Amino acid sequence: FNVVFNNRDDHCKNFSFLMSQNGQWKLSPAYDVTFCEGPGGYHQMDIMGEALDIPRQALVKLGTQEAELSAQEVDEIIGSICKVAIRFSDIAHDLLPGQIQAETLQMIQNRIAHNIHLLN
């Protein structure tokens, strides 16, 4: 998600857990996920050593080595995120009509398109 949607302010404080009343831990809902160019265009957290123009291979390596997913599962996740991301400006325009300037939507969509291109 962060790579495709250009959330470059991704850092370990954006991940947390919640404990239920019976003491069970679970991942908290997502928060602080928004478009951000980042200092110099770099992600705060690298993906397998890559922090600028992150290639698909780095995401596949992360998914297979660290999350114990198959390469096919990683590809499916990347594909599903890209399917939504490519329509970002249309979705944002429909959900928030007139609330985001056209130039801003275009800039965000262009960055998303660039990130998707790097993943293909």
PDB file of N, CA and C in Angstrom:
ATOM      1  N   PHE A   1       0.824  -1.191   0.000  1.00  0.00           N
ATOM      2  CA  PHE A   1       0.000   0.000   0.000  1.00  0.00           C
ATOM      3  C   PHE A   1       0.869   1.256   0.000  1.00  0.00           C
ATOM      4  N   ASN A   2       1.784   1.355   0.950  1.00  0.00           N
ATOM      5  CA  ASN A   2       2.603   2.560   1.062  1.00  0.00           C
ATOM      6  C   ASN A   2       3.397   2.837  -0.199  1.00  0.00           C
ATOM      7  N   VAL A   3       3.923   1.802  -0.820  1.00  0.00           N
ATOM      8  CA  VAL A   3       4.719   1.981  -2.034  1.00  0.00           C
ATOM      9  C   VAL A   3       3.839   2.501  -3.159  1.00  0.00           C
ATOM     10  N   VAL A   4       2.708   1.887  -3.395  1.00  0.00           N
ATOM     11  CA  VAL A   4       1.833   2.270  -4.505  1.00  0.00           C
ATOM     12  C   VAL A   4       1.223   3.645  -4.281  1.00  0.00           C
ATOM     13  N   PHE A   5       0.697   3.900  -3.093  1.00  0.00           N
ATOM     14  CA  PHE A   5      -0.007   5.151  -2.822  1.00  0.00           C
ATOM     15  C   PHE A   5       0.913   6.287  -2.386  1.00  0.00           C
ATOM     16  N   ASN A   6       2.213   6.062  -2.413  1.00  0.00           N
ATOM     17  CA  ASN A   6       3.204   7.094  -2.141  1.00  0.00           C
ATOM     18  C   ASN A   6       3.121   7.637  -0.715  1.00  0.00           C
ATOM     19  N   ASN A   7       2.880   6.762   0.244  1.00  0.00           N
ATOM     20  CA  ASN A   7       2.954   7.147   1.650  1.00  0.00           C
ATOM     21  C   ASN A   7       4.398   6.941   2.080  1.00  0.00           C
ATOM     22  N   ARG A   8       5.181   7.988   1.974  1.00  0.00           N
ATOM     23  CA  ARG A   8       6.611   7.870   2.264  1.00  0.00           C
ATOM     24  C   ARG A   8       6.932   8.175   3.724  1.00  0.00           C
ATOM     25  N   ASP A   9       5.912   8.562   4.485  1.00  0.00           N
ATOM     26  CA  ASP A   9       6.087   8.793   5.920  1.00  0.00           C
ATOM     27  C   ASP A   9       5.779   7.504   6.683  1.00  0.00           C
ATOM     28  N   ASP A  10       6.228   6.402   6.118  1.00  0.00           N
ATOM     29  CA  ASP A  10       5.998   5.093   6.723  1.00  0.00           C
ATOM     30  C   ASP A  10       7.131   4.790   7.694  1.00  0.00           C
ATOM     31  N   HIS A  11       6.783   4.633   8.929  1.00  0.00           N
ATOM     32  CA  HIS A  11       7.784   4.342   9.959  1.00  0.00           C
ATOM     33  C   HIS A  11       7.167   3.427  10.999  1.00  0.00           C
ATOM     34  N   CYS A  12       7.996   2.884  11.857  1.00  0.00           N
ATOM     35  CA  CYS A  12       7.516   1.839  12.775  1.00  0.00           C
ATOM     36  C   CYS A  12       6.488   2.336  13.778  1.00  0.00           C
ATOM     37  N   LYS A  13       6.361   3.620  13.985  1.00  0.00           N
ATOM     38  CA  LYS A  13       5.330   4.114  14.899  1.00  0.00           C
ATOM     39  C   LYS A  13       3.946   4.099  14.257  1.00  0.00           C
ATOM     40  N   ASN A  14       3.867   3.742  12.978  1.00  0.00           N
ATOM     41  CA  ASN A  14       2.571   3.645  12.297  1.00  0.00           C
ATOM     42  C   ASN A  14       1.986   2.241  12.402  1.00  0.00           C
ATOM     43  N   PHE A  15       2.614   1.386  13.149  1.00  0.00           N
ATOM     44  CA  PHE A  15       2.148   0.016  13.330  1.00  0.00           C
ATOM     45  C   PHE A  15       1.996  -0.229  14.825  1.00  0.00           C
ATOM     46  N   SER A  16       0.843  -0.728  15.206  1.00  0.00           N
ATOM     47  CA  SER A  16       0.654  -0.992  16.630  1.00  0.00           C
ATOM     48  C   SER A  16      -0.336  -2.134  16.825  1.00  0.00           C
ATOM     49  N   PHE A  17      -0.444  -2.550  18.053  1.00  0.00           N
ATOM     50  CA  PHE A  17      -1.321  -3.657  18.421  1.00  0.00           C
ATOM     51  C   PHE A  17      -2.286  -3.202  19.506  1.00  0.00           C
ATOM     52  N   LEU A  18      -3.418  -3.857  19.558  1.00  0.00           N
ATOM     53  CA  LEU A  18      -4.412  -3.609  20.598  1.00  0.00           C
ATOM     54  C   LEU A  18      -4.606  -4.896  21.390  1.00  0.00           C
ATOM     55  N   MET A  19      -4.816  -4.741  22.685  1.00  0.00           N
ATOM     56  CA  MET A  19      -5.087  -5.913  23.514  1.00  0.00           C
ATOM     57  C   MET A  19      -6.566  -5.905  23.893  1.00  0.00           C
ATOM     58  N   SER A  20      -7.220  -7.024  23.674  1.00  0.00           N
ATOM     59  CA  SER A  20      -8.630  -7.151  24.037  1.00  0.00           C
ATOM     60  C   SER A  20      -8.755  -7.302  25.552  1.00  0.00           C
ATOM     61  N   GLN A  21      -9.982  -7.244  26.035  1.00  0.00           N
ATOM     62  CA  GLN A  21     -10.214  -7.386  27.476  1.00  0.00           C
ATOM     63  C   GLN A  21      -9.784  -8.749  28.004  1.00  0.00           C
ATOM     64  N   ASN A  22      -9.756  -9.756  27.113  1.00  0.00           N
ATOM     65  CA  ASN A  22      -9.326 -11.090  27.564  1.00  0.00           C
ATOM     66  C   ASN A  22      -7.840 -11.338  27.309  1.00  0.00           C
ATOM     67  N   GLY A  23      -7.096 -10.284  26.990  1.00  0.00           N
ATOM     68  CA  GLY A  23      -5.650 -10.391  26.865  1.00  0.00           C
ATOM     69  C   GLY A  23      -5.126 -10.838  25.518  1.00  0.00           C
ATOM     70  N   GLN A  24      -5.973 -10.892  24.511  1.00  0.00           N
ATOM     71  CA  GLN A  24      -5.542 -11.290  23.165  1.00  0.00           C
ATOM     72  C   GLN A  24      -5.059 -10.062  22.387  1.00  0.00           C
ATOM     73  N   TRP A  25      -3.900 -10.192  21.764  1.00  0.00           N
ATOM     74  CA  TRP A  25      -3.348  -9.109  20.955  1.00  0.00           C
ATOM     75  C   TRP A  25      -3.831  -9.226  19.517  1.00  0.00           C
ATOM     76  N   LYS A  26      -4.068  -8.080  18.895  1.00  0.00           N
ATOM     77  CA  LYS A  26      -4.392  -8.057  17.469  1.00  0.00           C
ATOM     78  C   LYS A  26      -3.838  -6.772  16.875  1.00  0.00           C
ATOM     79  N   LEU A  27      -3.611  -6.812  15.586  1.00  0.00           N
ATOM     80  CA  LEU A  27      -3.114  -5.646  14.871  1.00  0.00           C
ATOM     81  C   LEU A  27      -4.166  -4.550  14.907  1.00  0.00           C
ATOM     82  N   SER A  28      -3.745  -3.328  15.162  1.00  0.00           N
ATOM     83  CA  SER A  28      -4.698  -2.213  15.200  1.00  0.00           C
ATOM     84  C   SER A  28      -5.172  -1.882  13.784  1.00  0.00           C
ATOM     85  N   PRO A  29      -6.295  -1.179  13.672  1.00  0.00           N
ATOM     86  CA  PRO A  29      -6.704  -0.709  12.343  1.00  0.00           C
ATOM     87  C   PRO A  29      -5.635   0.232  11.771  1.00  0.00           C
ATOM     88  N   ALA A  30      -5.613   0.354  10.469  1.00  0.00           N
ATOM     89  CA  ALA A  30      -4.630   1.222   9.810  1.00  0.00           C
ATOM     90  C   ALA A  30      -4.863   2.683  10.200  1.00  0.00           C
ATOM     91  N   TYR A  31      -3.781   3.426  10.316  1.00  0.00           N
ATOM     92  CA  TYR A  31      -3.872   4.861  10.584  1.00  0.00           C
ATOM     93  C   TYR A  31      -2.642   5.549  10.012  1.00  0.00           C
ATOM     94  N   ASP A  32      -2.727   6.867   9.853  1.00  0.00           N
ATOM     95  CA  ASP A  32      -1.625   7.679   9.325  1.00  0.00           C
ATOM     96  C   ASP A  32      -1.154   7.152   7.976  1.00  0.00           C
ATOM     97  N   VAL A  33      -2.090   6.815   7.113  1.00  0.00           N
ATOM     98  CA  VAL A  33      -1.752   6.360   5.765  1.00  0.00           C
ATOM     99  C   VAL A  33      -2.265   7.404   4.779  1.00  0.00           C
ATOM    100  N   THR A  34      -1.362   8.218   4.304  1.00  0.00           N
ATOM    101  CA  THR A  34      -1.739   9.293   3.403  1.00  0.00           C
ATOM    102  C   THR A  34      -0.604   9.591   2.441  1.00  0.00           C
ATOM    103  N   PHE A  35      -0.930  10.208   1.333  1.00  0.00           N
ATOM    104  CA  PHE A  35       0.066  10.595   0.344  1.00  0.00           C
ATOM    105  C   PHE A  35       1.085  11.521   0.996  1.00  0.00           C
ATOM    106  N   CYS A  36       2.349  11.252   0.761  1.00  0.00           N
ATOM    107  CA  CYS A  36       3.425  12.080   1.305  1.00  0.00           C
ATOM    108  C   CYS A  36       4.660  11.863   0.444  1.00  0.00           C
ATOM    109  N   GLU A  37       5.252  12.946  -0.021  1.00  0.00           N
ATOM    110  CA  GLU A  37       6.444  12.832  -0.868  1.00  0.00           C
ATOM    111  C   GLU A  37       7.673  12.355  -0.099  1.00  0.00           C
ATOM    112  N   GLY A  38       7.756  12.662   1.184  1.00  0.00           N
ATOM    113  CA  GLY A  38       8.902  12.227   1.978  1.00  0.00           C
ATOM    114  C   GLY A  38      10.135  13.070   1.704  1.00  0.00           C
ATOM    115  N   PRO A  39      11.059  13.106   2.648  1.00  0.00           N
ATOM    116  CA  PRO A  39      12.289  13.877   2.463  1.00  0.00           C
ATOM    117  C   PRO A  39      13.108  13.331   1.297  1.00  0.00           C
ATOM    118  N   GLY A  40      13.285  14.150   0.288  1.00  0.00           N
ATOM    119  CA  GLY A  40      14.044  13.724  -0.889  1.00  0.00           C
ATOM    120  C   GLY A  40      13.343  12.639  -1.685  1.00  0.00           C
ATOM    121  N   GLY A  41      12.071  12.384  -1.394  1.00  0.00           N
ATOM    122  CA  GLY A  41      11.326  11.347  -2.096  1.00  0.00           C
ATOM    123  C   GLY A  41      11.524   9.952  -1.530  1.00  0.00           C
ATOM    124  N   TYR A  42      12.265   9.846  -0.443  1.00  0.00           N
ATOM    125  CA  TYR A  42      12.571   8.539   0.148  1.00  0.00           C
ATOM    126  C   TYR A  42      11.503   8.108   1.150  1.00  0.00           C
ATOM    127  N   HIS A  43      11.244   6.801   1.202  1.00  0.00           N
ATOM    128  CA  HIS A  43      10.409   6.225   2.251  1.00  0.00           C
ATOM    129  C   HIS A  43      11.196   6.257   3.551  1.00  0.00           C
ATOM    130  N   GLN A  44      10.507   6.469   4.660  1.00  0.00           N
ATOM    131  CA  GLN A  44      11.157   6.417   5.966  1.00  0.00           C
ATOM    132  C   GLN A  44      11.614   4.995   6.286  1.00  0.00           C
ATOM    133  N   MET A  45      10.829   4.003   5.848  1.00  0.00           N
ATOM    134  CA  MET A  45      11.203   2.593   6.024  1.00  0.00           C
ATOM    135  C   MET A  45      11.554   2.030   4.660  1.00  0.00           C
ATOM    136  N   ASP A  46      12.708   1.434   4.574  1.00  0.00           N
ATOM    137  CA  ASP A  46      13.078   0.841   3.290  1.00  0.00           C
ATOM    138  C   ASP A  46      12.402  -0.515   3.118  1.00  0.00           C
ATOM    139  N   ILE A  47      12.355  -0.947   1.875  1.00  0.00           N
ATOM    140  CA  ILE A  47      11.823  -2.264   1.522  1.00  0.00           C
ATOM    141  C   ILE A  47      13.003  -3.083   1.008  1.00  0.00           C
ATOM    142  N   MET A  48      13.513  -3.961   1.841  1.00  0.00           N
ATOM    143  CA  MET A  48      14.652  -4.814   1.481  1.00  0.00           C
ATOM    144  C   MET A  48      15.815  -3.973   0.935  1.00  0.00           C
ATOM    145  N   GLY A  49      16.093  -2.859   1.613  1.00  0.00           N
ATOM    146  CA  GLY A  49      17.210  -1.995   1.244  1.00  0.00           C
ATOM    147  C   GLY A  49      16.879  -0.915   0.234  1.00  0.00           C
ATOM    148  N   GLU A  50      15.684  -0.932  -0.329  1.00  0.00           N
ATOM    149  CA  GLU A  50      15.269   0.075  -1.315  1.00  0.00           C
ATOM    150  C   GLU A  50      14.355   1.087  -0.631  1.00  0.00           C
ATOM    151  N   ALA A  51      14.588   2.395  -0.870  1.00  0.00           N
ATOM    152  CA  ALA A  51      13.755   3.408  -0.230  1.00  0.00           C
ATOM    153  C   ALA A  51      13.285   4.502  -1.186  1.00  0.00           C
ATOM    154  N   LEU A  52      13.729   4.472  -2.434  1.00  0.00           N
ATOM    155  CA  LEU A  52      13.325   5.529  -3.365  1.00  0.00           C
ATOM    156  C   LEU A  52      12.371   4.971  -4.411  1.00  0.00           C
ATOM    157  N   ASP A  53      12.884   4.417  -5.465  1.00  0.00           N
ATOM    158  CA  ASP A  53      12.057   3.806  -6.511  1.00  0.00           C
ATOM    159  C   ASP A  53      12.037   2.303  -6.263  1.00  0.00           C
ATOM    160  N   ILE A  54      11.076   1.858  -5.493  1.00  0.00           N
ATOM    161  CA  ILE A  54      11.049   0.477  -5.012  1.00  0.00           C
ATOM    162  C   ILE A  54      10.533  -0.454  -6.104  1.00  0.00           C
ATOM    163  N   PRO A  55      11.344  -1.429  -6.507  1.00  0.00           N
ATOM    164  CA  PRO A  55      10.921  -2.359  -7.562  1.00  0.00           C
ATOM    165  C   PRO A  55      10.066  -3.499  -7.007  1.00  0.00           C
ATOM    166  N   ARG A  56       9.336  -4.129  -7.883  1.00  0.00           N
ATOM    167  CA  ARG A  56       8.474  -5.263  -7.519  1.00  0.00           C
ATOM    168  C   ARG A  56       9.280  -6.361  -6.823  1.00  0.00           C
ATOM    169  N   GLN A  57      10.492  -6.620  -7.306  1.00  0.00           N
ATOM    170  CA  GLN A  57      11.315  -7.685  -6.729  1.00  0.00           C
ATOM    171  C   GLN A  57      11.532  -7.475  -5.233  1.00  0.00           C
ATOM    172  N   ALA A  58      11.677  -6.218  -4.809  1.00  0.00           N
ATOM    173  CA  ALA A  58      11.882  -5.944  -3.384  1.00  0.00           C
ATOM    174  C   ALA A  58      10.633  -6.297  -2.579  1.00  0.00           C
ATOM    175  N   LEU A  59       9.451  -5.987  -3.130  1.00  0.00           N
ATOM    176  CA  LEU A  59       8.206  -6.329  -2.433  1.00  0.00           C
ATOM    177  C   LEU A  59       7.991  -7.837  -2.388  1.00  0.00           C
ATOM    178  N   VAL A  60       8.303  -8.512  -3.484  1.00  0.00           N
ATOM    179  CA  VAL A  60       8.161  -9.973  -3.518  1.00  0.00           C
ATOM    180  C   VAL A  60       9.129 -10.603  -2.514  1.00  0.00           C
ATOM    181  N   LYS A  61      10.348 -10.114  -2.477  1.00  0.00           N
ATOM    182  CA  LYS A  61      11.334 -10.640  -1.531  1.00  0.00           C
ATOM    183  C   LYS A  61      10.875 -10.412  -0.087  1.00  0.00           C
ATOM    184  N   LEU A  62      10.355  -9.228   0.204  1.00  0.00           N
ATOM    185  CA  LEU A  62       9.847  -8.936   1.543  1.00  0.00           C
ATOM    186  C   LEU A  62       8.699  -9.879   1.901  1.00  0.00           C
ATOM    187  N   GLY A  63       7.764 -10.032   0.983  1.00  0.00           N
ATOM    188  CA  GLY A  63       6.605 -10.885   1.241  1.00  0.00           C
ATOM    189  C   GLY A  63       6.952 -12.344   1.430  1.00  0.00           C
ATOM    190  N   THR A  64       7.880 -12.839   0.626  1.00  0.00           N
ATOM    191  CA  THR A  64       8.226 -14.263   0.717  1.00  0.00           C
ATOM    192  C   THR A  64       9.147 -14.550   1.897  1.00  0.00           C
ATOM    193  N   GLN A  65      10.106 -13.665   2.148  1.00  0.00           N
ATOM    194  CA  GLN A  65      11.070 -13.923   3.217  1.00  0.00           C
ATOM    195  C   GLN A  65      10.556 -13.549   4.600  1.00  0.00           C
ATOM    196  N   GLU A  66       9.884 -12.420   4.698  1.00  0.00           N
ATOM    197  CA  GLU A  66       9.504 -11.913   6.021  1.00  0.00           C
ATOM    198  C   GLU A  66       8.064 -12.244   6.408  1.00  0.00           C
ATOM    199  N   ALA A  67       7.162 -12.301   5.430  1.00  0.00           N
ATOM    200  CA  ALA A  67       5.752 -12.595   5.736  1.00  0.00           C
ATOM    201  C   ALA A  67       5.387 -14.039   5.418  1.00  0.00           C
ATOM    202  N   GLU A  68       6.345 -14.778   4.878  1.00  0.00           N
ATOM    203  CA  GLU A  68       6.153 -16.195   4.544  1.00  0.00           C
ATOM    204  C   GLU A  68       4.967 -16.419   3.603  1.00  0.00           C
ATOM    205  N   LEU A  69       4.798 -15.500   2.658  1.00  0.00           N
ATOM    206  CA  LEU A  69       3.792 -15.640   1.609  1.00  0.00           C
ATOM    207  C   LEU A  69       4.445 -16.266   0.391  1.00  0.00           C
ATOM    208  N   SER A  70       3.643 -16.846  -0.472  1.00  0.00           N
ATOM    209  CA  SER A  70       4.188 -17.329  -1.742  1.00  0.00           C
ATOM    210  C   SER A  70       4.335 -16.129  -2.676  1.00  0.00           C
ATOM    211  N   ALA A  71       5.181 -16.271  -3.686  1.00  0.00           N
ATOM    212  CA  ALA A  71       5.346 -15.197  -4.672  1.00  0.00           C
ATOM    213  C   ALA A  71       4.012 -14.893  -5.344  1.00  0.00           C
ATOM    214  N   GLN A  72       3.204 -15.923  -5.570  1.00  0.00           N
ATOM    215  CA  GLN A  72       1.889 -15.719  -6.186  1.00  0.00           C
ATOM    216  C   GLN A  72       0.986 -14.881  -5.277  1.00  0.00           C
ATOM    217  N   GLU A  73       1.014 -15.153  -3.982  1.00  0.00           N
ATOM    218  CA  GLU A  73       0.202 -14.371  -3.045  1.00  0.00           C
ATOM    219  C   GLU A  73       0.643 -12.909  -3.035  1.00  0.00           C
ATOM    220  N   VAL A  74       1.945 -12.683  -3.048  1.00  0.00           N
ATOM    221  CA  VAL A  74       2.460 -11.314  -3.075  1.00  0.00           C
ATOM    222  C   VAL A  74       2.015 -10.623  -4.360  1.00  0.00           C
ATOM    223  N   ASP A  75       2.140 -11.306  -5.493  1.00  0.00           N
ATOM    224  CA  ASP A  75       1.707 -10.736  -6.771  1.00  0.00           C
ATOM    225  C   ASP A  75       0.224 -10.380  -6.747  1.00  0.00           C
ATOM    226  N   GLU A  76      -0.596 -11.235  -6.155  1.00  0.00           N
ATOM    227  CA  GLU A  76      -2.039 -10.970  -6.078  1.00  0.00           C
ATOM    228  C   GLU A  76      -2.327  -9.748  -5.208  1.00  0.00           C
ATOM    229  N   ILE A  77      -1.615  -9.605  -4.114  1.00  0.00           N
ATOM    230  CA  ILE A  77      -1.801  -8.446  -3.237  1.00  0.00           C
ATOM    231  C   ILE A  77      -1.396  -7.173  -3.975  1.00  0.00           C
ATOM    232  N   ILE A  78      -0.239  -7.196  -4.611  1.00  0.00           N
ATOM    233  CA  ILE A  78       0.214  -6.030  -5.369  1.00  0.00           C
ATOM    234  C   ILE A  78      -0.811  -5.685  -6.449  1.00  0.00           C
ATOM    235  N   GLY A  79      -1.281  -6.689  -7.169  1.00  0.00           N
ATOM    236  CA  GLY A  79      -2.261  -6.462  -8.231  1.00  0.00           C
ATOM    237  C   GLY A  79      -3.552  -5.856  -7.723  1.00  0.00           C
ATOM    238  N   SER A  80      -4.050  -6.348  -6.599  1.00  0.00           N
ATOM    239  CA  SER A  80      -5.316  -5.817  -6.073  1.00  0.00           C
ATOM    240  C   SER A  80      -5.163  -4.374  -5.604  1.00  0.00           C
ATOM    241  N   ILE A  81      -4.034  -4.036  -5.020  1.00  0.00           N
ATOM    242  CA  ILE A  81      -3.788  -2.657  -4.596  1.00  0.00           C
ATOM    243  C   ILE A  81      -3.665  -1.748  -5.817  1.00  0.00           C
ATOM    244  N   CYS A  82      -2.961  -2.203  -6.836  1.00  0.00           N
ATOM    245  CA  CYS A  82      -2.787  -1.401  -8.050  1.00  0.00           C
ATOM    246  C   CYS A  82      -4.112  -1.160  -8.766  1.00  0.00           C
ATOM    247  N   LYS A  83      -5.011  -2.143  -8.755  1.00  0.00           N
ATOM    248  CA  LYS A  83      -6.328  -1.980  -9.397  1.00  0.00           C
ATOM    249  C   LYS A  83      -7.115  -0.834  -8.771  1.00  0.00           C
ATOM    250  N   VAL A  84      -7.040  -0.703  -7.472  1.00  0.00           N
ATOM    251  CA  VAL A  84      -7.726   0.395  -6.786  1.00  0.00           C
ATOM    252  C   VAL A  84      -6.968   1.699  -7.004  1.00  0.00           C
ATOM    253  N   ALA A  85      -5.659   1.655  -6.878  1.00  0.00           N
ATOM    254  CA  ALA A  85      -4.843   2.865  -6.955  1.00  0.00           C
ATOM    255  C   ALA A  85      -4.956   3.567  -8.299  1.00  0.00           C
ATOM    256  N   ILE A  86      -5.040   2.813  -9.376  1.00  0.00           N
ATOM    257  CA  ILE A  86      -5.091   3.421 -10.703  1.00  0.00           C
ATOM    258  C   ILE A  86      -6.353   4.271 -10.867  1.00  0.00           C
ATOM    259  N   ARG A  87      -7.359   4.019 -10.026  1.00  0.00           N
ATOM    260  CA  ARG A  87      -8.617   4.768 -10.083  1.00  0.00           C
ATOM    261  C   ARG A  87      -8.722   5.804  -8.956  1.00  0.00           C
ATOM    262  N   PHE A  88      -7.615   6.090  -8.288  1.00  0.00           N
ATOM    263  CA  PHE A  88      -7.652   6.958  -7.112  1.00  0.00           C
ATOM    264  C   PHE A  88      -8.351   8.289  -7.367  1.00  0.00           C
ATOM    265  N   SER A  89      -7.950   9.013  -8.398  1.00  0.00           N
ATOM    266  CA  SER A  89      -8.520  10.349  -8.600  1.00  0.00           C
ATOM    267  C   SER A  89     -10.017  10.287  -8.872  1.00  0.00           C
ATOM    268  N   ASP A  90     -10.477   9.286  -9.612  1.00  0.00           N
ATOM    269  CA  ASP A  90     -11.921   9.139  -9.855  1.00  0.00           C
ATOM    270  C   ASP A  90     -12.668   8.834  -8.558  1.00  0.00           C
ATOM    271  N   ILE A  91     -12.119   7.942  -7.755  1.00  0.00           N
ATOM    272  CA  ILE A  91     -12.755   7.578  -6.484  1.00  0.00           C
ATOM    273  C   ILE A  91     -12.783   8.779  -5.543  1.00  0.00           C
ATOM    274  N   ALA A  92     -11.652   9.490  -5.437  1.00  0.00           N
ATOM    275  CA  ALA A  92     -11.583  10.665  -4.561  1.00  0.00           C
ATOM    276  C   ALA A  92     -12.557  11.743  -5.029  1.00  0.00           C
ATOM    277  N   HIS A  93     -12.639  11.945  -6.330  1.00  0.00           N
ATOM    278  CA  HIS A  93     -13.569  12.941  -6.879  1.00  0.00           C
ATOM    279  C   HIS A  93     -15.012  12.568  -6.554  1.00  0.00           C
ATOM    280  N   ASP A  94     -15.354  11.288  -6.668  1.00  0.00           N
ATOM    281  CA  ASP A  94     -16.718  10.830  -6.373  1.00  0.00           C
ATOM    282  C   ASP A  94     -17.053  10.933  -4.882  1.00  0.00           C
ATOM    283  N   LEU A  95     -16.107  10.565  -4.031  1.00  0.00           N
ATOM    284  CA  LEU A  95     -16.364  10.563  -2.589  1.00  0.00           C
ATOM    285  C   LEU A  95     -16.255  11.948  -1.960  1.00  0.00           C
ATOM    286  N   LEU A  96     -15.415  12.797  -2.546  1.00  0.00           N
ATOM    287  CA  LEU A  96     -15.164  14.127  -1.983  1.00  0.00           C
ATOM    288  C   LEU A  96     -15.310  15.193  -3.070  1.00  0.00           C
ATOM    289  N   PRO A  97     -16.483  15.300  -3.685  1.00  0.00           N
ATOM    290  CA  PRO A  97     -16.637  16.227  -4.814  1.00  0.00           C
ATOM    291  C   PRO A  97     -16.303  17.664  -4.419  1.00  0.00           C
ATOM    292  N   GLY A  98     -15.418  18.268  -5.205  1.00  0.00           N
ATOM    293  CA  GLY A  98     -15.052  19.657  -4.996  1.00  0.00           C
ATOM    294  C   GLY A  98     -14.163  19.923  -3.802  1.00  0.00           C
ATOM    295  N   GLN A  99     -13.765  18.905  -3.071  1.00  0.00           N
ATOM    296  CA  GLN A  99     -12.966  19.123  -1.864  1.00  0.00           C
ATOM    297  C   GLN A  99     -11.461  19.020  -2.104  1.00  0.00           C
ATOM    298  N   ILE A 100     -11.081  18.459  -3.232  1.00  0.00           N
ATOM    299  CA  ILE A 100      -9.657  18.350  -3.565  1.00  0.00           C
ATOM    300  C   ILE A 100      -9.456  19.024  -4.910  1.00  0.00           C
ATOM    301  N   GLN A 101      -8.504  19.945  -4.975  1.00  0.00           N
ATOM    302  CA  GLN A 101      -8.249  20.650  -6.225  1.00  0.00           C
ATOM    303  C   GLN A 101      -7.833  19.671  -7.311  1.00  0.00           C
ATOM    304  N   ALA A 102      -8.272  19.955  -8.535  1.00  0.00           N
ATOM    305  CA  ALA A 102      -7.974  19.085  -9.675  1.00  0.00           C
ATOM    306  C   ALA A 102      -6.471  18.899  -9.854  1.00  0.00           C
ATOM    307  N   GLU A 103      -5.697  19.959  -9.645  1.00  0.00           N
ATOM    308  CA  GLU A 103      -4.239  19.867  -9.801  1.00  0.00           C
ATOM    309  C   GLU A 103      -3.639  18.920  -8.764  1.00  0.00           C
ATOM    310  N   THR A 104      -4.169  18.955  -7.557  1.00  0.00           N
ATOM    311  CA  THR A 104      -3.679  18.068  -6.503  1.00  0.00           C
ATOM    312  C   THR A 104      -4.007  16.619  -6.829  1.00  0.00           C
ATOM    313  N   LEU A 105      -5.245  16.369  -7.262  1.00  0.00           N
ATOM    314  CA  LEU A 105      -5.623  15.007  -7.650  1.00  0.00           C
ATOM    315  C   LEU A 105      -4.744  14.497  -8.780  1.00  0.00           C
ATOM    316  N   GLN A 106      -4.477  15.353  -9.759  1.00  0.00           N
ATOM    317  CA  GLN A 106      -3.656  14.939 -10.895  1.00  0.00           C
ATOM    318  C   GLN A 106      -2.228  14.637 -10.457  1.00  0.00           C
ATOM    319  N   MET A 107      -1.682  15.465  -9.568  1.00  0.00           N
ATOM    320  CA  MET A 107      -0.319  15.243  -9.076  1.00  0.00           C
ATOM    321  C   MET A 107      -0.231  13.911  -8.329  1.00  0.00           C
ATOM    322  N   ILE A 108      -1.209  13.643  -7.472  1.00  0.00           N
ATOM    323  CA  ILE A 108      -1.217  12.384  -6.727  1.00  0.00           C
ATOM    324  C   ILE A 108      -1.371  11.203  -7.680  1.00  0.00           C
ATOM    325  N   GLN A 109      -2.311  11.310  -8.630  1.00  0.00           N
ATOM    326  CA  GLN A 109      -2.530  10.217  -9.573  1.00  0.00           C
ATOM    327  C   GLN A 109      -1.293   9.959 -10.422  1.00  0.00           C
ATOM    328  N   ASN A 110      -0.591  11.023 -10.819  1.00  0.00           N
ATOM    329  CA  ASN A 110       0.642  10.850 -11.598  1.00  0.00           C
ATOM    330  C   ASN A 110       1.702  10.103 -10.796  1.00  0.00           C
ATOM    331  N   ARG A 111       1.828  10.432  -9.520  1.00  0.00           N
ATOM    332  CA  ARG A 111       2.820   9.750  -8.674  1.00  0.00           C
ATOM    333  C   ARG A 111       2.434   8.282  -8.490  1.00  0.00           C
ATOM    334  N   ILE A 112       1.141   8.025  -8.292  1.00  0.00           N
ATOM    335  CA  ILE A 112       0.670   6.645  -8.163  1.00  0.00           C
ATOM    336  C   ILE A 112       0.958   5.874  -9.447  1.00  0.00           C
ATOM    337  N   ALA A 113       0.670   6.489 -10.593  1.00  0.00           N
ATOM    338  CA  ALA A 113       0.924   5.830 -11.882  1.00  0.00           C
ATOM    339  C   ALA A 113       2.410   5.512 -12.039  1.00  0.00           C
ATOM    340  N   HIS A 114       3.272   6.422 -11.611  1.00  0.00           N
ATOM    341  CA  HIS A 114       4.722   6.186 -11.668  1.00  0.00           C
ATOM    342  C   HIS A 114       5.101   4.990 -10.789  1.00  0.00           C
ATOM    343  N   ASN A 115       4.544   4.941  -9.587  1.00  0.00           N
ATOM    344  CA  ASN A 115       4.853   3.837  -8.678  1.00  0.00           C
ATOM    345  C   ASN A 115       4.367   2.504  -9.234  1.00  0.00           C
ATOM    346  N   ILE A 116       3.183   2.501  -9.838  1.00  0.00           N
ATOM    347  CA  ILE A 116       2.665   1.276 -10.453  1.00  0.00           C
ATOM    348  C   ILE A 116       3.560   0.858 -11.611  1.00  0.00           C
ATOM    349  N   HIS A 117       4.015   1.825 -12.397  1.00  0.00           N
ATOM    350  CA  HIS A 117       4.920   1.520 -13.514  1.00  0.00           C
ATOM    351  C   HIS A 117       6.189   0.822 -13.009  1.00  0.00           C
ATOM    352  N   LEU A 118       6.719   1.295 -11.893  1.00  0.00           N
ATOM    353  CA  LEU A 118       7.926   0.676 -11.329  1.00  0.00           C
ATOM    354  C   LEU A 118       7.677  -0.764 -10.887  1.00  0.00           C
ATOM    355  N   LEU A 119       6.427  -1.086 -10.563  1.00  0.00           N
ATOM    356  CA  LEU A 119       6.097  -2.427 -10.079  1.00  0.00           C
ATOM    357  C   LEU A 119       5.760  -3.398 -11.197  1.00  0.00           C
ATOM    358  N   ASN A 120       5.659  -2.914 -12.414  1.00  0.00           N
ATOM    359  CA  ASN A 120       5.339  -3.793 -13.554  1.00  0.00           C
ATOM    360  C   ASN A 120       6.585  -4.282 -14.247  1.00  0.00           C
TER     361      ASN A 120
END
